[in-house]
PDB file of N, CA and C in Angstrom:
ATOM      1  N   MET A   1      10.561 -13.578  -5.816  1.00  0.00           N
ATOM      2  CA  MET A   1      11.177 -12.073  -5.860  1.00  0.00           C
ATOM      3  C   MET A   1      10.163 -11.794  -3.665  1.00  0.00           C
ATOM      4  N   ALA A   2      10.541 -11.559  -2.783  1.00  0.00           N
ATOM      5  CA  ALA A   2      10.089 -11.116  -1.819  1.00  0.00           C
ATOM      6  C   ALA A   2       9.166  -9.618  -1.730  1.00  0.00           C
ATOM      7  N   THR A   3       8.353 -10.173  -0.678  1.00  0.00           N
ATOM      8  CA  THR A   3       7.442  -8.680  -0.868  1.00  0.00           C
ATOM      9  C   THR A   3       6.792  -8.489   0.650  1.00  0.00           C
ATOM     10  N   HIS A   4       6.889  -7.143   0.477  1.00  0.00           N
ATOM     11  CA  HIS A   4       6.675  -6.777   1.996  1.00  0.00           C
ATOM     12  C   HIS A   4       5.070  -5.496   2.376  1.00  0.00           C
ATOM     13  N   PRO A   5       4.531  -5.762   3.039  1.00  0.00           N
ATOM     14  CA  PRO A   5       3.638  -5.745   2.860  1.00  0.00           C
ATOM     15  C   PRO A   5       3.273  -3.774   4.077  1.00  0.00           C
ATOM     16  N   ILE A   6       2.500  -2.424   2.879  1.00  0.00           N
ATOM     17  CA  ILE A   6       2.585  -1.610   2.971  1.00  0.00           C
ATOM     18  C   ILE A   6       1.263  -2.045   3.735  1.00  0.00           C
ATOM     19  N   SER A   7       0.709  -1.007   4.661  1.00  0.00           N
ATOM     20  CA  SER A   7      -0.058  -1.353   5.885  1.00  0.00           C
ATOM     21  C   SER A   7      -0.656   0.264   6.088  1.00  0.00           C
ATOM     22  N   ILE A   8      -1.762   0.222   7.488  1.00  0.00           N
ATOM     23  CA  ILE A   8      -1.905   1.200   8.821  1.00  0.00           C
ATOM     24  C   ILE A   8      -3.108   0.764   9.547  1.00  0.00           C
ATOM     25  N   ASP A   9      -2.029   0.043  10.691  1.00  0.00           N
ATOM     26  CA  ASP A   9      -2.753  -0.175  11.820  1.00  0.00           C
ATOM     27  C   ASP A   9      -3.553  -0.010  12.606  1.00  0.00           C
ATOM     28  N   SER A  10      -3.581   1.385  13.210  1.00  0.00           N
ATOM     29  CA  SER A  10      -3.938   2.255  14.070  1.00  0.00           C
ATOM     30  C   SER A  10      -4.492   3.274  12.657  1.00  0.00           C
ATOM     31  N   ALA A  11      -5.030   3.889  13.110  1.00  0.00           N
ATOM     32  CA  ALA A  11      -5.922   5.155  11.915  1.00  0.00           C
ATOM     33  C   ALA A  11      -6.542   6.403  13.208  1.00  0.00           C
ATOM     34  N   GLY A  12      -6.112   7.507  13.709  1.00  0.00           N
ATOM     35  CA  GLY A  12      -7.274   7.760  15.040  1.00  0.00           C
ATOM     36  C   GLY A  12      -7.705   7.813  15.854  1.00  0.00           C
ATOM     37  N   GLY A  13      -7.283   6.592  16.596  1.00  0.00           N
ATOM     38  CA  GLY A  13      -7.812   6.255  17.548  1.00  0.00           C
ATOM     39  C   GLY A  13      -8.209   5.008  17.906  1.00  0.00           C
ATOM     40  N   GLU A  14      -8.677   3.851  18.596  1.00  0.00           N
ATOM     41  CA  GLU A  14      -9.604   2.549  18.785  1.00  0.00           C
ATOM     42  C   GLU A  14     -10.872   3.043  17.169  1.00  0.00           C
ATOM     43  N   TYR A  15     -11.285   3.690  17.877  1.00  0.00           N
ATOM     44  CA  TYR A  15     -12.447   3.402  16.983  1.00  0.00           C
ATOM     45  C   TYR A  15     -12.725   3.759  15.835  1.00  0.00           C
ATOM     46  N   MET A  16     -11.361   4.301  14.430  1.00  0.00           N
ATOM     47  CA  MET A  16     -11.710   4.375  13.485  1.00  0.00           C
ATOM     48  C   MET A  16     -11.221   2.462  13.081  1.00  0.00           C
ATOM     49  N   GLU A  17     -12.094   2.296  12.184  1.00  0.00           N
ATOM     50  CA  GLU A  17     -11.943   1.172  11.220  1.00  0.00           C
ATOM     51  C   GLU A  17     -11.577   1.422   9.712  1.00  0.00           C
ATOM     52  N   ALA A  18     -11.252   2.437   9.273  1.00  0.00           N
ATOM     53  CA  ALA A  18     -11.220   2.771   8.086  1.00  0.00           C
ATOM     54  C   ALA A  18     -10.825   3.724   7.684  1.00  0.00           C
ATOM     55  N   VAL A  19     -10.053   4.104   6.658  1.00  0.00           N
ATOM     56  CA  VAL A  19      -9.674   4.826   6.106  1.00  0.00           C
ATOM     57  C   VAL A  19      -9.446   5.168   4.771  1.00  0.00           C
ATOM     58  N   LEU A  20      -9.148   6.583   4.037  1.00  0.00           N
ATOM     59  CA  LEU A  20      -9.706   6.602   2.373  1.00  0.00           C
ATOM     60  C   LEU A  20      -8.597   6.329   2.342  1.00  0.00           C
ATOM     61  N   VAL A  21      -8.037   6.263   0.776  1.00  0.00           N
ATOM     62  CA  VAL A  21      -6.791   6.119   0.263  1.00  0.00           C
ATOM     63  C   VAL A  21      -7.017   7.729  -0.332  1.00  0.00           C
ATOM     64  N   ILE A  22      -6.030   8.183  -0.022  1.00  0.00           N
ATOM     65  CA  ILE A  22      -6.073  10.109  -0.964  1.00  0.00           C
ATOM     66  C   ILE A  22      -5.186  10.377  -1.821  1.00  0.00           C
ATOM     67  N   ALA A  23      -3.691   9.350  -1.893  1.00  0.00           N
ATOM     68  CA  ALA A  23      -2.610   9.810  -2.824  1.00  0.00           C
ATOM     69  C   ALA A  23      -1.540   9.081  -2.470  1.00  0.00           C
ATOM     70  N   TRP A  24      -1.455   7.857  -3.909  1.00  0.00           N
ATOM     71  CA  TRP A  24       0.209   7.320  -3.662  1.00  0.00           C
ATOM     72  C   TRP A  24       0.890   7.773  -4.492  1.00  0.00           C
ATOM     73  N   ALA A  25       2.190   8.606  -4.275  1.00  0.00           N
ATOM     74  CA  ALA A  25       3.408   8.793  -4.552  1.00  0.00           C
ATOM     75  C   ALA A  25       3.747   8.558  -5.150  1.00  0.00           C
ATOM     76  N   VAL A  26       3.683   6.468  -5.028  1.00  0.00           N
ATOM     77  CA  VAL A  26       4.893   6.455  -6.791  1.00  0.00           C
ATOM     78  C   VAL A  26       3.562   5.288  -7.216  1.00  0.00           C
ATOM     79  N   LYS A  27       3.740   5.171  -8.202  1.00  0.00           N
ATOM     80  CA  LYS A  27       2.780   3.473  -8.842  1.00  0.00           C
ATOM     81  C   LYS A  27       4.340   2.631  -9.123  1.00  0.00           C
ATOM     82  N   PRO A  28       3.283   1.413  -8.856  1.00  0.00           N
ATOM     83  CA  PRO A  28       3.768  -0.015  -9.330  1.00  0.00           C
ATOM     84  C   PRO A  28       5.095   0.522 -10.295  1.00  0.00           C
ATOM     85  N   GLY A  29       6.340  -0.114  -9.752  1.00  0.00           N
ATOM     86  CA  GLY A  29       7.375  -0.157 -10.656  1.00  0.00           C
ATOM     87  C   GLY A  29       8.286   0.519  -9.910  1.00  0.00           C
ATOM     88  N   ASP A  30       8.089   1.923  -9.340  1.00  0.00           N
ATOM     89  CA  ASP A  30       9.396   2.813  -9.312  1.00  0.00           C
ATOM     90  C   ASP A  30       9.591   2.185  -7.721  1.00  0.00           C
ATOM     91  N   PRO A  31      11.096   3.278  -7.905  1.00  0.00           N
ATOM     92  CA  PRO A  31      11.761   2.506  -6.296  1.00  0.00           C
ATOM     93  C   PRO A  31      11.284   3.694  -5.675  1.00  0.00           C
ATOM     94  N   VAL A  32      11.306   3.204  -4.570  1.00  0.00           N
ATOM     95  CA  VAL A  32      11.502   4.083  -2.733  1.00  0.00           C
ATOM     96  C   VAL A  32      12.420   3.100  -1.728  1.00  0.00           C
ATOM     97  N   LYS A  33      13.067   3.944  -1.003  1.00  0.00           N
ATOM     98  CA  LYS A  33      14.117   4.481  -0.267  1.00  0.00           C
ATOM     99  C   LYS A  33      13.323   4.545   1.258  1.00  0.00           C
ATOM    100  N   ALA A  34      13.886   3.579   2.333  1.00  0.00           N
ATOM    101  CA  ALA A  34      13.785   3.736   3.430  1.00  0.00           C
ATOM    102  C   ALA A  34      12.746   5.400   4.024  1.00  0.00           C
ATOM    103  N   GLY A  35      11.884   5.996   4.686  1.00  0.00           N
ATOM    104  CA  GLY A  35      11.377   6.970   5.003  1.00  0.00           C
ATOM    105  C   GLY A  35      10.925   7.975   3.928  1.00  0.00           C
ATOM    106  N   ASP A  36      10.382   7.073   2.629  1.00  0.00           N
ATOM    107  CA  ASP A  36       9.871   7.846   1.163  1.00  0.00           C
ATOM    108  C   ASP A  36       8.821   7.719   1.382  1.00  0.00           C
ATOM    109  N   LEU A  37       8.013   8.453   1.235  1.00  0.00           N
ATOM    110  CA  LEU A  37       6.618   8.943   1.254  1.00  0.00           C
ATOM    111  C   LEU A  37       6.191   7.920  -0.045  1.00  0.00           C
ATOM    112  N   VAL A  38       5.372   7.029   0.487  1.00  0.00           N
ATOM    113  CA  VAL A  38       4.728   5.996  -0.389  1.00  0.00           C
ATOM    114  C   VAL A  38       3.461   6.033  -0.680  1.00  0.00           C
ATOM    115  N   VAL A  39       2.226   7.110   0.153  1.00  0.00           N
ATOM    116  CA  VAL A  39       0.718   6.579   0.168  1.00  0.00           C
ATOM    117  C   VAL A  39       0.133   7.145   1.545  1.00  0.00           C
ATOM    118  N   THR A  40      -0.912   8.927   0.916  1.00  0.00           N
ATOM    119  CA  THR A  40      -1.184   8.981   1.817  1.00  0.00           C
ATOM    120  C   THR A  40      -2.560   8.672   2.141  1.00  0.00           C
ATOM    121  N   VAL A  41      -3.266   8.876   3.697  1.00  0.00           N
ATOM    122  CA  VAL A  41      -4.521   7.952   3.704  1.00  0.00           C
ATOM    123  C   VAL A  41      -5.105   9.303   4.954  1.00  0.00           C
ATOM    124  N   GLU A  42      -6.187   9.311   4.822  1.00  0.00           N
ATOM    125  CA  GLU A  42      -7.108  10.255   5.433  1.00  0.00           C
ATOM    126  C   GLU A  42      -8.480   9.068   6.249  1.00  0.00           C
ATOM    127  N   THR A  43      -8.221   9.451   7.335  1.00  0.00           N
ATOM    128  CA  THR A  43      -9.871   9.469   8.809  1.00  0.00           C
ATOM    129  C   THR A  43     -10.706  10.540   8.552  1.00  0.00           C
ATOM    130  N   ALA A  44     -10.830  10.032   9.795  1.00  0.00           N
ATOM    131  CA  ALA A  44     -12.483  11.150  10.139  1.00  0.00           C
ATOM    132  C   ALA A  44     -11.766  12.792  11.050  1.00  0.00           C
ATOM    133  N   LYS A  45     -10.149  12.073  11.280  1.00  0.00           N
ATOM    134  CA  LYS A  45      -8.979  13.596  12.348  1.00  0.00           C
ATOM    135  C   LYS A  45      -7.903  13.797  11.153  1.00  0.00           C
ATOM    136  N   ALA A  46      -7.771  12.731  10.204  1.00  0.00           N
ATOM    137  CA  ALA A  46      -6.960  13.300   9.809  1.00  0.00           C
ATOM    138  C   ALA A  46      -5.723  12.437   8.744  1.00  0.00           C
ATOM    139  N   ALA A  47      -5.269  13.379   8.485  1.00  0.00           N
ATOM    140  CA  ALA A  47      -5.316  12.706   7.477  1.00  0.00           C
ATOM    141  C   ALA A  47      -3.451  12.566   7.723  1.00  0.00           C
ATOM    142  N   THR A  48      -3.171  11.080   7.373  1.00  0.00           N
ATOM    143  CA  THR A  48      -1.716  10.424   7.494  1.00  0.00           C
ATOM    144  C   THR A  48      -0.570   9.903   5.978  1.00  0.00           C
ATOM    145  N   GLU A  49       0.711  10.393   5.862  1.00  0.00           N
ATOM    146  CA  GLU A  49       1.296   9.410   5.202  1.00  0.00           C
ATOM    147  C   GLU A  49       2.092   9.132   5.365  1.00  0.00           C
ATOM    148  N   ILE A  50       2.052   7.362   4.643  1.00  0.00           N
ATOM    149  CA  ILE A  50       2.661   6.305   4.982  1.00  0.00           C
ATOM    150  C   ILE A  50       4.015   6.033   4.462  1.00  0.00           C
ATOM    151  N   GLU A  51       4.887   6.274   4.531  1.00  0.00           N
ATOM    152  CA  GLU A  51       6.727   5.820   4.466  1.00  0.00           C
ATOM    153  C   GLU A  51       7.202   5.068   4.197  1.00  0.00           C
ATOM    154  N   ALA A  52       7.504   4.502   3.076  1.00  0.00           N
ATOM    155  CA  ALA A  52       8.275   2.959   2.738  1.00  0.00           C
ATOM    156  C   ALA A  52       8.964   2.323   3.976  1.00  0.00           C
ATOM    157  N   ASP A  53       9.383   1.181   4.581  1.00  0.00           N
ATOM    158  CA  ASP A  53      10.076   1.202   5.669  1.00  0.00           C
ATOM    159  C   ASP A  53      11.233   0.254   5.507  1.00  0.00           C
ATOM    160  N   ARG A  54      11.678   0.183   3.526  1.00  0.00           N
ATOM    161  CA  ARG A  54      12.661  -0.822   3.777  1.00  0.00           C
ATOM    162  C   ARG A  54      13.060   0.053   2.145  1.00  0.00           C
ATOM    163  N   ASP A  55      14.116   0.229   1.514  1.00  0.00           N
ATOM    164  CA  ASP A  55      13.974   0.007   0.276  1.00  0.00           C
ATOM    165  C   ASP A  55      13.700  -0.793  -0.883  1.00  0.00           C
ATOM    166  N   GLY A  56      13.946  -0.603  -2.080  1.00  0.00           N
ATOM    167  CA  GLY A  56      12.576  -1.649  -2.944  1.00  0.00           C
ATOM    168  C   GLY A  56      11.801  -1.006  -4.071  1.00  0.00           C
ATOM    169  N   TRP A  57      10.944  -1.632  -3.723  1.00  0.00           N
ATOM    170  CA  TRP A  57      10.232  -1.252  -5.553  1.00  0.00           C
ATOM    171  C   TRP A  57       9.194  -1.727  -5.156  1.00  0.00           C
ATOM    172  N   LEU A  58       8.127  -0.260  -5.382  1.00  0.00           N
ATOM    173  CA  LEU A  58       6.402  -0.131  -5.230  1.00  0.00           C
ATOM    174  C   LEU A  58       6.075  -1.898  -6.179  1.00  0.00           C
ATOM    175  N   ALA A  59       5.204  -3.010  -5.661  1.00  0.00           N
ATOM    176  CA  ALA A  59       5.458  -4.232  -6.978  1.00  0.00           C
ATOM    177  C   ALA A  59       4.033  -3.820  -6.527  1.00  0.00           C
ATOM    178  N   GLU A  60       2.940  -3.769  -6.067  1.00  0.00           N
ATOM    179  CA  GLU A  60       1.442  -3.821  -6.453  1.00  0.00           C
ATOM    180  C   GLU A  60       1.056  -2.879  -5.009  1.00  0.00           C
ATOM    181  N   ILE A  61      -0.437  -1.659  -6.119  1.00  0.00           N
ATOM    182  CA  ILE A  61      -1.657  -1.108  -5.095  1.00  0.00           C
ATOM    183  C   ILE A  61      -3.048  -2.289  -4.885  1.00  0.00           C
ATOM    184  N   PHE A  62      -3.746  -2.910  -4.085  1.00  0.00           N
ATOM    185  CA  PHE A  62      -4.319  -3.130  -4.157  1.00  0.00           C
ATOM    186  C   PHE A  62      -5.730  -2.192  -3.962  1.00  0.00           C
ATOM    187  N   PHE A  63      -5.553  -1.081  -2.928  1.00  0.00           N
ATOM    188  CA  PHE A  63      -6.008  -0.310  -3.049  1.00  0.00           C
ATOM    189  C   PHE A  63      -6.046   1.522  -3.944  1.00  0.00           C
ATOM    190  N   ALA A  64      -7.253   1.807  -3.947  1.00  0.00           N
ATOM    191  CA  ALA A  64      -6.271   2.820  -5.438  1.00  0.00           C
ATOM    192  C   ALA A  64      -7.848   3.672  -4.808  1.00  0.00           C
ATOM    193  N   GLU A  65      -7.114   5.199  -5.206  1.00  0.00           N
ATOM    194  CA  GLU A  65      -6.994   6.827  -4.585  1.00  0.00           C
ATOM    195  C   GLU A  65      -8.702   6.626  -4.265  1.00  0.00           C
ATOM    196  N   GLY A  66      -9.062   6.418  -3.602  1.00  0.00           N
ATOM    197  CA  GLY A  66     -10.613   7.176  -3.762  1.00  0.00           C
ATOM    198  C   GLY A  66     -11.477   6.173  -2.700  1.00  0.00           C
ATOM    199  N   GLN A  67     -10.401   5.662  -3.125  1.00  0.00           N
ATOM    200  CA  GLN A  67     -10.883   3.830  -2.205  1.00  0.00           C
ATOM    201  C   GLN A  67     -11.310   3.865  -0.526  1.00  0.00           C
ATOM    202  N   GLU A  68     -12.481   3.179  -0.074  1.00  0.00           N
ATOM    203  CA  GLU A  68     -12.110   3.185   1.294  1.00  0.00           C
ATOM    204  C   GLU A  68     -11.886   1.835   2.022  1.00  0.00           C
ATOM    205  N   ALA A  69     -10.579   1.662   2.978  1.00  0.00           N
ATOM    206  CA  ALA A  69      -9.753   0.531   3.187  1.00  0.00           C
ATOM    207  C   ALA A  69      -9.677  -0.137   5.034  1.00  0.00           C
ATOM    208  N   PRO A  70     -10.214  -1.082   5.319  1.00  0.00           N
ATOM    209  CA  PRO A  70      -9.906  -1.095   6.401  1.00  0.00           C
ATOM    210  C   PRO A  70      -9.087  -1.118   7.357  1.00  0.00           C
ATOM    211  N   VAL A  71      -8.230  -0.782   8.097  1.00  0.00           N
ATOM    212  CA  VAL A  71      -7.417  -0.134   9.251  1.00  0.00           C
ATOM    213  C   VAL A  71      -6.933  -2.544   9.932  1.00  0.00           C
ATOM    214  N   GLY A  72      -5.438  -1.385   9.413  1.00  0.00           N
ATOM    215  CA  GLY A  72      -5.278  -3.661   9.455  1.00  0.00           C
ATOM    216  C   GLY A  72      -4.514  -4.045   8.176  1.00  0.00           C
ATOM    217  N   ALA A  73      -5.259  -3.557   6.532  1.00  0.00           N
ATOM    218  CA  ALA A  73      -5.271  -3.791   5.687  1.00  0.00           C
ATOM    219  C   ALA A  73      -4.435  -3.870   4.956  1.00  0.00           C
ATOM    220  N   VAL A  74      -4.021  -4.661   3.746  1.00  0.00           N
ATOM    221  CA  VAL A  74      -2.382  -4.459   3.551  1.00  0.00           C
ATOM    222  C   VAL A  74      -2.870  -3.602   2.019  1.00  0.00           C
ATOM    223  N   LEU A  75      -2.127  -2.612   2.066  1.00  0.00           N
ATOM    224  CA  LEU A  75      -2.213  -1.500   0.801  1.00  0.00           C
ATOM    225  C   LEU A  75      -2.094  -2.072  -0.192  1.00  0.00           C
ATOM    226  N   GLY A  76      -0.533  -2.078  -0.656  1.00  0.00           N
ATOM    227  CA  GLY A  76      -0.051  -2.180  -1.511  1.00  0.00           C
ATOM    228  C   GLY A  76       1.572  -3.146  -0.454  1.00  0.00           C
ATOM    229  N   THR A  77       2.086  -3.543  -1.668  1.00  0.00           N
ATOM    230  CA  THR A  77       3.572  -4.112  -1.365  1.00  0.00           C
ATOM    231  C   THR A  77       5.031  -3.966  -1.832  1.00  0.00           C
ATOM    232  N   ILE A  78       5.580  -3.772  -1.335  1.00  0.00           N
ATOM    233  CA  ILE A  78       7.040  -3.325  -1.495  1.00  0.00           C
ATOM    234  C   ILE A  78       7.898  -4.504  -2.031  1.00  0.00           C
ATOM    235  N   ALA A  79       8.479  -5.019  -3.174  1.00  0.00           N
ATOM    236  CA  ALA A  79       9.516  -5.816  -3.234  1.00  0.00           C
ATOM    237  C   ALA A  79      11.188  -5.913  -3.572  1.00  0.00           C
ATOM    238  N   ASP A  80      11.676  -6.169  -2.927  1.00  0.00           N
ATOM    239  CA  ASP A  80      12.819  -6.219  -2.567  1.00  0.00           C
ATOM    240  C   ASP A  80      13.573  -6.577  -4.677  1.00  0.00           C
ATOM    241  N   GLU A  81      13.229  -7.310  -6.008  1.00  0.00           N
ATOM    242  CA  GLU A  81      13.734  -6.656  -6.883  1.00  0.00           C
ATOM    243  C   GLU A  81      13.093  -6.025  -7.335  1.00  0.00           C
ATOM    244  N   LYS A  82      13.065  -5.373  -8.688  1.00  0.00           N
ATOM    245  CA  LYS A  82      12.218  -4.831  -9.500  1.00  0.00           C
ATOM    246  C   LYS A  82      11.621  -5.557 -10.240  1.00  0.00           C
ATOM    247  N   PRO A  83      10.266  -5.526 -10.159  1.00  0.00           N
ATOM    248  CA  PRO A  83       9.189  -5.985 -10.511  1.00  0.00           C
ATOM    249  C   PRO A  83       8.974  -5.577 -12.644  1.00  0.00           C
ATOM    250  N   ILE A  84       8.669  -6.758 -12.885  1.00  0.00           N
ATOM    251  CA  ILE A  84       8.359  -6.197 -13.739  1.00  0.00           C
ATOM    252  C   ILE A  84       6.981  -5.592 -14.399  1.00  0.00           C
ATOM    253  N   VAL A  85       6.291  -4.406 -14.766  1.00  0.00           N
ATOM    254  CA  VAL A  85       4.796  -3.954 -14.233  1.00  0.00           C
ATOM    255  C   VAL A  85       4.095  -4.573 -15.206  1.00  0.00           C
ATOM    256  N   GLY A  86       2.887  -5.213 -14.549  1.00  0.00           N
ATOM    257  CA  GLY A  86       1.548  -6.418 -15.901  1.00  0.00           C
ATOM    258  C   GLY A  86       2.262  -7.634 -15.834  1.00  0.00           C
ATOM    259  N   GLU A  87       3.181  -7.981 -14.660  1.00  0.00           N
ATOM    260  CA  GLU A  87       3.765  -9.491 -15.395  1.00  0.00           C
ATOM    261  C   GLU A  87       2.642  -9.865 -13.826  1.00  0.00           C
ATOM    262  N   LYS A  88       2.091 -10.391 -13.610  1.00  0.00           N
ATOM    263  CA  LYS A  88       1.900 -12.016 -12.534  1.00  0.00           C
ATOM    264  C   LYS A  88       2.532 -11.576 -11.449  1.00  0.00           C
ATOM    265  N   LEU A  89       2.691 -11.372 -10.099  1.00  0.00           N
ATOM    266  CA  LEU A  89       3.314 -11.656  -8.950  1.00  0.00           C
ATOM    267  C   LEU A  89       2.763 -11.990  -8.279  1.00  0.00           C
ATOM    268  N   ILE A  90       1.725 -11.618  -7.554  1.00  0.00           N
ATOM    269  CA  ILE A  90       1.042 -13.017  -6.002  1.00  0.00           C
ATOM    270  C   ILE A  90       0.352 -13.182  -5.956  1.00  0.00           C
ATOM    271  N   ALA A  91      -0.751 -14.686  -5.860  1.00  0.00           N
ATOM    272  CA  ALA A  91      -1.468 -15.134  -6.393  1.00  0.00           C
ATOM    273  C   ALA A  91      -2.187 -14.363  -7.631  1.00  0.00           C
ATOM    274  N   GLY A  92      -1.998 -14.720  -8.789  1.00  0.00           N
ATOM    275  CA  GLY A  92      -2.605 -14.443 -10.063  1.00  0.00           C
ATOM    276  C   GLY A  92      -3.182 -12.854  -9.815  1.00  0.00           C
ATOM    277  N   GLN A  93      -2.620 -11.572  -9.171  1.00  0.00           N
ATOM    278  CA  GLN A  93      -2.527 -10.393  -9.011  1.00  0.00           C
ATOM    279  C   GLN A  93      -1.485 -10.074 -10.216  1.00  0.00           C
ATOM    280  N   SER A  94      -1.742  -9.196 -10.691  1.00  0.00           N
ATOM    281  CA  SER A  94      -0.745  -8.145 -11.093  1.00  0.00           C
ATOM    282  C   SER A  94      -0.085  -6.977 -10.229  1.00  0.00           C
ATOM    283  N   ALA A  95       0.856  -6.320 -11.335  1.00  0.00           N
ATOM    284  CA  ALA A  95       1.311  -5.390 -10.695  1.00  0.00           C
ATOM    285  C   ALA A  95       0.729  -3.401 -11.567  1.00  0.00           C
ATOM    286  N   SER A  96      -0.239  -4.044 -11.206  1.00  0.00           N
ATOM    287  CA  SER A  96      -1.757  -2.828 -10.817  1.00  0.00           C
ATOM    288  C   SER A  96      -2.291  -2.907 -10.324  1.00  0.00           C
ATOM    289  N   ILE A  97      -3.497  -2.042  -9.918  1.00  0.00           N
ATOM    290  CA  ILE A  97      -4.618  -1.869  -9.379  1.00  0.00           C
ATOM    291  C   ILE A  97      -5.519  -3.019  -9.104  1.00  0.00           C
ATOM    292  N   ALA A  98      -5.036  -3.746  -8.246  1.00  0.00           N
ATOM    293  CA  ALA A  98      -6.190  -5.205  -7.834  1.00  0.00           C
ATOM    294  C   ALA A  98      -6.621  -4.926  -6.945  1.00  0.00           C
ATOM    295  N   PRO A  99      -8.027  -5.753  -7.111  1.00  0.00           N
ATOM    296  CA  PRO A  99      -9.001  -6.191  -5.891  1.00  0.00           C
ATOM    297  C   PRO A  99      -8.381  -5.874  -4.245  1.00  0.00           C
ATOM    298  N   ALA A 100      -8.844  -5.616  -3.488  1.00  0.00           N
ATOM    299  CA  ALA A 100      -8.369  -6.270  -1.937  1.00  0.00           C
ATOM    300  C   ALA A 100      -8.922  -7.086  -1.798  1.00  0.00           C
ATOM    301  N   THR A 101      -7.765  -8.293  -1.479  1.00  0.00           N
ATOM    302  CA  THR A 101      -9.003  -9.003  -0.814  1.00  0.00           C
ATOM    303  C   THR A 101      -7.544  -9.924   0.586  1.00  0.00           C
ATOM    304  N   ALA A 102      -5.957  -8.964   0.032  1.00  0.00           N
ATOM    305  CA  ALA A 102      -5.557  -9.969   0.960  1.00  0.00           C
ATOM    306  C   ALA A 102      -5.683  -8.871   2.475  1.00  0.00           C
ATOM    307  N   THR A 103      -5.735  -8.922   3.488  1.00  0.00           N
ATOM    308  CA  THR A 103      -5.497  -8.221   5.392  1.00  0.00           C
ATOM    309  C   THR A 103      -4.585  -8.419   5.912  1.00  0.00           C
ATOM    310  N   ALA A 104      -3.937  -8.217   7.332  1.00  0.00           N
ATOM    311  CA  ALA A 104      -2.940  -8.340   6.798  1.00  0.00           C
ATOM    312  C   ALA A 104      -3.700  -8.534   9.022  1.00  0.00           C
ATOM    313  N   ALA A 105      -2.878  -9.500   9.379  1.00  0.00           N
ATOM    314  CA  ALA A 105      -2.842 -10.192  10.196  1.00  0.00           C
ATOM    315  C   ALA A 105      -1.930 -10.196  11.640  1.00  0.00           C
TER     316      ALA A 105
END
């Protein structure tokens, strides 16, 4: 199953190093369409809504609501095929909230 990262590459200027995850609009296993709101994050300056860049299903969440994530980190993934919630999907991580270990290159 192919997955695609959900990330934020810049946030409120070059000096912002992290964002706070405010709310996930969908949960793992939910379908998403390109342009749908997926997650809202906040910097010291403003809240930013991150939209799905493709149709698919939310497969994984790496940062829970209330957690801080480095700018550029993968916040979650969108899968091309419907994931089975609880199934091991990538590198031993389940389709639920998992520890944040992935980062965007």
